[in-house]
N, C-alpha and C. Protein backbone atom coordinates (compact mmCIF):
# COMPACT_ATOMS: atom_id res chain seq x y z
N MET A 1 28.41 -7.79 -36.54
CA MET A 1 28.74 -8.17 -37.82
C MET A 1 30.34 -8.18 -38.07
N VAL A 2 30.90 -8.85 -39.01
CA VAL A 2 32.20 -8.84 -38.97
C VAL A 2 32.61 -8.05 -40.26
N GLU A 3 33.43 -7.21 -40.43
CA GLU A 3 34.24 -6.57 -41.57
C GLU A 3 34.90 -7.52 -42.49
N GLY A 4 34.97 -7.15 -43.75
CA GLY A 4 36.03 -8.09 -44.57
C GLY A 4 35.25 -8.67 -45.66
N PHE A 5 34.04 -8.79 -45.63
CA PHE A 5 33.30 -9.63 -46.73
C PHE A 5 33.23 -8.61 -48.19
N ARG A 6 33.90 -9.27 -49.11
CA ARG A 6 33.95 -8.69 -50.55
C ARG A 6 33.93 -9.85 -51.33
N SER A 7 33.84 -9.35 -52.67
CA SER A 7 33.52 -10.15 -53.94
C SER A 7 35.12 -11.02 -54.13
N GLY A 8 35.10 -12.01 -54.45
CA GLY A 8 36.41 -12.39 -55.02
C GLY A 8 37.30 -13.07 -53.85
N ILE A 9 36.83 -13.09 -52.88
CA ILE A 9 37.86 -13.67 -51.83
C ILE A 9 37.97 -15.29 -52.05
N SER A 10 39.12 -15.70 -51.25
CA SER A 10 39.18 -17.28 -51.64
C SER A 10 38.58 -18.07 -50.34
N THR A 11 38.30 -19.11 -50.48
CA THR A 11 37.69 -20.21 -49.67
C THR A 11 38.15 -20.16 -48.14
N GLU A 12 39.45 -19.94 -47.92
CA GLU A 12 39.92 -19.80 -46.80
C GLU A 12 39.65 -18.74 -46.02
N GLU A 13 39.77 -17.48 -46.68
CA GLU A 13 39.55 -16.21 -46.35
C GLU A 13 37.78 -16.35 -45.89
N LEU A 14 37.10 -16.83 -46.72
CA LEU A 14 35.63 -16.97 -46.58
C LEU A 14 35.25 -17.66 -45.33
N LEU A 15 35.73 -18.83 -45.11
CA LEU A 15 35.69 -19.68 -43.93
C LEU A 15 36.14 -18.75 -43.01
N ALA A 16 37.23 -18.33 -42.90
CA ALA A 16 37.88 -17.60 -41.67
C ALA A 16 37.07 -16.46 -41.26
N LEU A 17 36.46 -15.78 -42.02
CA LEU A 17 35.49 -14.74 -41.85
C LEU A 17 34.04 -15.27 -41.38
N CYS A 18 33.66 -16.26 -41.67
CA CYS A 18 32.38 -16.95 -41.31
C CYS A 18 32.71 -17.74 -39.91
N ILE A 19 33.95 -18.09 -39.74
CA ILE A 19 34.29 -18.78 -38.15
C ILE A 19 34.25 -17.34 -37.17
N ARG A 20 35.01 -16.57 -37.63
CA ARG A 20 34.86 -15.07 -36.64
C ARG A 20 33.53 -14.65 -36.64
N GLN A 21 32.59 -14.62 -37.53
CA GLN A 21 31.18 -14.08 -37.29
C GLN A 21 30.43 -15.11 -36.35
N LEU A 22 30.80 -16.40 -36.56
CA LEU A 22 30.10 -17.25 -35.70
C LEU A 22 30.50 -17.15 -34.19
N SER A 23 31.88 -16.87 -34.08
CA SER A 23 32.37 -16.96 -32.57
C SER A 23 31.80 -15.51 -32.14
N ARG A 24 31.28 -14.49 -32.67
CA ARG A 24 31.13 -13.37 -32.10
C ARG A 24 29.51 -13.41 -31.92
N HIS A 25 28.79 -14.32 -32.31
CA HIS A 25 27.23 -14.76 -32.44
C HIS A 25 26.78 -14.55 -30.80
N PRO A 26 27.46 -15.19 -29.79
CA PRO A 26 27.01 -14.88 -28.63
C PRO A 26 27.09 -13.45 -28.10
N ASP A 27 27.80 -12.75 -28.48
CA ASP A 27 28.20 -11.39 -27.97
C ASP A 27 27.14 -10.36 -28.78
N ASP A 28 27.06 -10.73 -29.75
CA ASP A 28 25.68 -10.13 -30.59
C ASP A 28 24.49 -10.30 -30.02
N LEU A 29 24.13 -11.47 -29.55
CA LEU A 29 22.92 -11.91 -29.12
C LEU A 29 22.65 -11.03 -27.77
N ASN A 30 23.80 -11.10 -26.77
CA ASN A 30 23.83 -10.59 -25.52
C ASN A 30 23.74 -8.97 -25.80
N HIS A 31 24.22 -8.28 -26.78
CA HIS A 31 24.06 -6.87 -27.08
C HIS A 31 22.69 -6.64 -27.38
N ALA A 32 22.21 -7.41 -28.36
CA ALA A 32 20.66 -7.29 -28.85
C ALA A 32 19.79 -7.44 -27.78
N ALA A 33 20.19 -8.32 -26.93
CA ALA A 33 18.96 -8.50 -25.62
C ALA A 33 19.17 -7.13 -24.87
N GLU A 34 20.17 -6.77 -24.30
CA GLU A 34 20.54 -5.61 -23.76
C GLU A 34 19.69 -4.31 -24.41
N MET A 35 20.00 -4.23 -25.77
CA MET A 35 19.41 -3.07 -26.21
C MET A 35 17.94 -3.30 -26.37
N LEU A 36 17.19 -4.43 -26.37
CA LEU A 36 15.74 -4.58 -26.29
C LEU A 36 15.22 -4.33 -25.08
N LYS A 37 16.24 -4.59 -24.25
CA LYS A 37 15.69 -4.51 -22.70
C LYS A 37 15.44 -2.83 -22.39
N GLN A 38 16.74 -2.04 -22.71
CA GLN A 38 16.56 -0.52 -22.73
C GLN A 38 15.44 0.01 -23.46
N ALA A 39 15.28 -0.59 -24.66
CA ALA A 39 14.27 -0.02 -25.34
C ALA A 39 12.77 -0.27 -24.77
N ARG A 40 12.67 -1.12 -24.04
CA ARG A 40 11.17 -1.84 -23.42
C ARG A 40 11.28 -0.65 -22.34
N ILE A 41 12.39 -0.43 -21.67
CA ILE A 41 12.20 0.41 -20.38
C ILE A 41 11.88 1.96 -21.07
N GLN A 42 12.64 2.24 -21.80
CA GLN A 42 12.31 3.64 -22.48
C GLN A 42 11.09 3.70 -22.92
N SER A 43 10.44 2.92 -23.51
CA SER A 43 8.90 2.73 -23.97
C SER A 43 8.08 2.68 -22.93
N HIS A 44 8.05 1.99 -21.93
CA HIS A 44 7.35 2.04 -20.80
C HIS A 44 7.18 3.32 -20.20
N GLU A 45 8.52 3.86 -19.97
CA GLU A 45 8.66 5.25 -19.22
C GLU A 45 8.00 6.33 -20.16
N GLN A 46 7.99 6.41 -21.45
CA GLN A 46 7.36 7.22 -22.24
C GLN A 46 5.83 7.05 -21.96
N PHE A 47 5.33 5.94 -22.19
CA PHE A 47 4.02 5.72 -22.23
C PHE A 47 3.45 6.42 -20.86
N MET A 48 3.99 5.85 -19.90
CA MET A 48 3.55 6.50 -18.42
C MET A 48 3.56 7.92 -18.34
N ARG A 49 4.62 8.54 -18.72
CA ARG A 49 4.54 9.98 -18.99
C ARG A 49 3.38 10.70 -19.87
N ARG A 50 3.32 9.95 -21.06
CA ARG A 50 2.25 10.49 -22.15
C ARG A 50 0.92 10.28 -21.65
N TYR A 51 0.53 9.05 -21.06
CA TYR A 51 -0.80 8.85 -20.71
C TYR A 51 -1.29 8.64 -19.22
N LYS A 52 -0.36 9.30 -18.45
CA LYS A 52 -0.49 9.08 -17.02
C LYS A 52 -1.79 9.51 -16.50
N ARG A 53 -2.41 10.40 -17.14
CA ARG A 53 -3.57 11.00 -16.85
C ARG A 53 -4.88 10.53 -17.27
N ARG A 54 -4.55 9.43 -18.13
CA ARG A 54 -5.88 8.71 -19.16
C ARG A 54 -5.67 7.21 -18.33
N LEU A 55 -4.80 6.83 -17.45
CA LEU A 55 -4.88 5.42 -16.93
C LEU A 55 -5.85 5.43 -15.96
N LEU A 56 -6.29 4.09 -16.03
CA LEU A 56 -7.25 3.57 -15.07
C LEU A 56 -6.96 3.80 -13.59
N LYS A 57 -7.78 4.60 -12.99
CA LYS A 57 -7.68 4.52 -11.32
C LYS A 57 -7.86 3.33 -10.50
N SER A 58 -7.12 3.25 -9.58
CA SER A 58 -7.66 1.89 -8.53
C SER A 58 -8.81 2.15 -7.93
N GLU A 59 -9.07 3.66 -7.43
CA GLU A 59 -10.24 3.67 -6.65
C GLU A 59 -10.91 5.23 -6.83
N TYR A 60 -11.90 5.35 -6.95
CA TYR A 60 -12.56 6.55 -7.14
C TYR A 60 -13.12 7.01 -5.70
N LYS A 61 -13.01 8.49 -5.40
CA LYS A 61 -13.62 9.06 -4.25
C LYS A 61 -14.98 9.67 -4.41
N PRO A 62 -15.87 9.73 -3.37
CA PRO A 62 -17.03 10.30 -3.67
C PRO A 62 -16.64 11.89 -3.89
N GLY A 63 -17.48 12.15 -5.10
CA GLY A 63 -17.71 13.29 -5.68
C GLY A 63 -16.77 13.62 -6.86
N GLU A 64 -16.05 12.63 -7.16
CA GLU A 64 -15.05 12.72 -8.27
C GLU A 64 -16.27 12.58 -9.47
N LEU A 65 -15.78 13.15 -10.71
CA LEU A 65 -16.68 12.89 -11.84
C LEU A 65 -15.91 11.65 -12.58
N VAL A 66 -16.81 10.83 -13.43
CA VAL A 66 -16.52 9.99 -14.10
C VAL A 66 -17.21 9.81 -15.65
N LEU A 67 -16.76 9.00 -16.25
CA LEU A 67 -17.61 8.48 -17.63
C LEU A 67 -17.87 7.30 -17.31
N VAL A 68 -18.90 6.72 -18.04
CA VAL A 68 -19.33 5.02 -17.96
C VAL A 68 -19.20 4.70 -19.29
N GLN A 69 -18.61 3.72 -19.57
CA GLN A 69 -18.59 2.88 -20.79
C GLN A 69 -19.96 2.49 -21.23
N ASN A 70 -20.33 2.83 -22.38
CA ASN A 70 -21.44 2.43 -23.02
C ASN A 70 -21.46 1.00 -23.33
N SER A 71 -22.16 0.12 -22.60
CA SER A 71 -21.97 -1.46 -22.64
C SER A 71 -23.07 -1.45 -23.71
N GLN A 72 -24.05 -0.71 -23.79
CA GLN A 72 -25.11 -1.09 -25.10
C GLN A 72 -24.64 -1.38 -26.38
N LEU A 73 -23.45 -0.62 -26.71
CA LEU A 73 -22.98 -0.61 -28.07
C LEU A 73 -22.50 -2.30 -28.26
N GLU A 74 -21.97 -2.86 -27.22
CA GLU A 74 -21.47 -4.11 -27.61
C GLU A 74 -22.62 -5.17 -27.91
N MET A 75 -23.82 -4.90 -27.55
CA MET A 75 -24.96 -5.65 -27.81
C MET A 75 -25.41 -5.52 -28.91
N THR A 76 -25.16 -4.37 -29.62
CA THR A 76 -25.94 -4.16 -31.10
C THR A 76 -24.98 -4.68 -32.30
N VAL A 77 -25.81 -5.02 -33.45
CA VAL A 77 -25.03 -5.19 -34.34
C VAL A 77 -24.40 -3.97 -35.20
N ASN A 78 -25.25 -3.14 -35.38
CA ASN A 78 -24.84 -1.95 -36.39
C ASN A 78 -24.05 -0.82 -35.25
N ARG A 79 -22.89 -1.00 -35.14
CA ARG A 79 -22.33 -0.09 -34.52
C ARG A 79 -21.43 1.08 -35.57
N PHE A 80 -21.49 2.31 -35.14
CA PHE A 80 -20.67 3.33 -36.02
C PHE A 80 -19.57 3.94 -35.09
N LYS A 81 -18.70 4.31 -35.88
CA LYS A 81 -17.68 5.21 -35.07
C LYS A 81 -18.23 6.34 -34.46
N THR A 82 -19.36 6.90 -34.92
CA THR A 82 -19.81 8.27 -34.17
C THR A 82 -20.69 7.99 -32.92
N ASP A 83 -21.05 6.70 -32.93
CA ASP A 83 -21.78 6.37 -31.60
C ASP A 83 -20.72 6.76 -30.27
N PRO A 84 -21.72 7.07 -29.08
CA PRO A 84 -20.79 7.66 -28.17
C PRO A 84 -20.14 6.32 -27.35
N GLN A 85 -19.04 6.28 -27.09
CA GLN A 85 -18.32 5.06 -26.45
C GLN A 85 -18.38 5.26 -24.82
N TYR A 86 -18.55 6.43 -24.29
CA TYR A 86 -18.97 6.65 -22.86
C TYR A 86 -19.87 7.49 -22.56
N LEU A 87 -20.64 7.43 -21.54
CA LEU A 87 -21.69 8.39 -21.33
C LEU A 87 -21.10 8.95 -19.96
N GLY A 88 -21.83 10.38 -19.78
CA GLY A 88 -21.66 11.01 -18.53
C GLY A 88 -21.22 12.40 -18.74
N PRO A 89 -20.80 13.18 -17.83
CA PRO A 89 -20.28 12.59 -16.78
C PRO A 89 -21.32 12.16 -15.60
N TYR A 90 -20.84 11.57 -14.68
CA TYR A 90 -21.67 11.11 -13.65
C TYR A 90 -20.49 11.46 -12.18
N GLU A 91 -21.36 11.65 -11.23
CA GLU A 91 -20.66 11.93 -10.07
C GLU A 91 -20.54 10.53 -9.19
N VAL A 92 -19.56 10.11 -8.47
CA VAL A 92 -19.46 9.01 -7.70
C VAL A 92 -20.04 9.17 -6.33
N VAL A 93 -20.84 8.46 -5.69
CA VAL A 93 -21.85 8.60 -4.56
C VAL A 93 -20.85 7.68 -3.51
N HIS A 94 -20.42 6.64 -3.92
CA HIS A 94 -19.84 6.01 -2.69
C HIS A 94 -19.45 4.43 -3.71
N ARG A 95 -18.67 3.66 -2.89
CA ARG A 95 -18.06 2.48 -3.46
C ARG A 95 -18.75 1.28 -2.88
N THR A 96 -19.29 0.43 -3.57
CA THR A 96 -19.89 -0.75 -2.87
C THR A 96 -19.18 -1.75 -2.75
N TYR A 97 -19.51 -2.97 -2.06
CA TYR A 97 -19.06 -4.08 -2.27
C TYR A 97 -18.91 -4.75 -3.39
N GLY A 98 -17.33 -5.08 -3.67
CA GLY A 98 -16.91 -6.02 -5.02
C GLY A 98 -16.63 -4.90 -6.05
N ASP A 99 -16.01 -3.89 -5.71
CA ASP A 99 -15.34 -2.85 -6.52
C ASP A 99 -16.35 -2.41 -7.40
N ALA A 100 -17.80 -2.27 -7.25
CA ALA A 100 -18.48 -1.27 -7.88
C ALA A 100 -18.94 -0.07 -7.44
N TYR A 101 -19.47 0.92 -8.38
CA TYR A 101 -19.70 2.15 -7.69
C TYR A 101 -21.21 2.53 -7.88
N LYS A 102 -21.84 3.21 -6.75
CA LYS A 102 -23.26 4.07 -7.30
C LYS A 102 -22.93 5.33 -7.58
N LEU A 103 -23.52 5.54 -8.66
CA LEU A 103 -23.37 7.12 -9.25
C LEU A 103 -24.44 7.81 -9.08
N ARG A 104 -24.46 9.02 -9.60
CA ARG A 104 -25.52 10.22 -9.81
C ARG A 104 -25.52 10.92 -10.77
N GLU A 105 -26.22 11.49 -11.40
CA GLU A 105 -26.32 12.41 -12.56
C GLU A 105 -26.00 13.57 -11.90
N LEU A 106 -25.64 14.75 -12.41
CA LEU A 106 -25.02 15.92 -11.87
C LEU A 106 -25.95 16.80 -11.50
N ASP A 107 -27.38 16.15 -11.64
CA ASP A 107 -28.62 16.94 -11.25
C ASP A 107 -29.05 16.39 -9.57
N GLY A 108 -28.28 15.19 -9.48
CA GLY A 108 -28.62 14.77 -7.91
C GLY A 108 -29.27 13.37 -7.97
N THR A 109 -30.00 12.84 -9.29
CA THR A 109 -30.59 11.90 -9.60
C THR A 109 -29.84 10.60 -9.28
N VAL A 110 -29.91 9.64 -8.28
CA VAL A 110 -28.95 8.63 -8.18
C VAL A 110 -29.16 7.64 -9.24
N ILE A 111 -28.39 7.09 -9.69
CA ILE A 111 -28.54 5.91 -10.91
C ILE A 111 -28.91 4.39 -10.07
N SER A 112 -29.71 3.68 -10.37
CA SER A 112 -30.36 2.53 -9.66
C SER A 112 -29.36 1.27 -9.65
N ARG A 113 -28.60 1.25 -10.87
CA ARG A 113 -27.73 0.16 -10.57
C ARG A 113 -26.28 0.31 -10.24
N SER A 114 -25.55 -0.44 -9.86
CA SER A 114 -24.19 -0.14 -9.34
C SER A 114 -23.20 -0.36 -10.81
N VAL A 115 -22.35 0.45 -10.94
CA VAL A 115 -21.43 -0.01 -12.16
C VAL A 115 -19.93 -0.43 -12.10
N ALA A 116 -19.45 -1.52 -12.39
CA ALA A 116 -18.35 -1.82 -12.12
C ALA A 116 -17.29 -1.14 -12.59
N ALA A 117 -16.32 -1.20 -11.91
CA ALA A 117 -14.97 -0.34 -11.74
C ALA A 117 -14.17 -0.19 -13.02
N PHE A 118 -13.99 -1.36 -13.84
CA PHE A 118 -13.67 -1.49 -15.04
C PHE A 118 -14.36 -0.56 -16.06
N GLN A 119 -15.59 -0.19 -15.90
CA GLN A 119 -16.28 0.53 -16.85
C GLN A 119 -16.37 1.89 -16.69
N LEU A 120 -15.33 2.32 -15.70
CA LEU A 120 -15.30 3.65 -15.32
C LEU A 120 -14.18 4.41 -15.84
N LEU A 121 -14.08 5.79 -16.16
CA LEU A 121 -12.79 6.23 -16.58
C LEU A 121 -12.86 7.66 -16.01
N PRO A 122 -11.93 8.25 -15.51
CA PRO A 122 -11.96 9.40 -14.74
C PRO A 122 -12.37 10.41 -15.77
N TYR A 123 -13.22 11.64 -15.31
CA TYR A 123 -13.53 12.66 -16.16
C TYR A 123 -12.46 13.75 -16.10
N VAL A 124 -11.80 13.81 -17.23
CA VAL A 124 -10.53 14.81 -17.44
C VAL A 124 -10.97 16.20 -17.80
N THR A 125 -10.96 17.34 -16.78
CA THR A 125 -11.57 18.57 -17.14
C THR A 125 -10.40 19.44 -17.84
């Protein structure tokens, strides 16, 4: 922004201020773009620090505890906030072909169907 705008200035002064302001426009755009870039980098770093323990893992090892997304809620019409979003915890048995996992209950009962990796969350103790 350009300083000097005030009430009661002449047309020549107003035009000179507008020309000066327009000449600074590319510099202002470059400055705003740089500030936006820095803000995005800082926001990403803050997000990674804050939620690093909650982010999805790429691979679960046998014996790890996981929660399974309750996909039955997506099929029902009457969902409530209090319905369980995740089921478990379950223990990972092994990874199958296609990034699915065989799981078992904590008592050792193996679940018959495989669960896709995107439906799993690490169980944080």
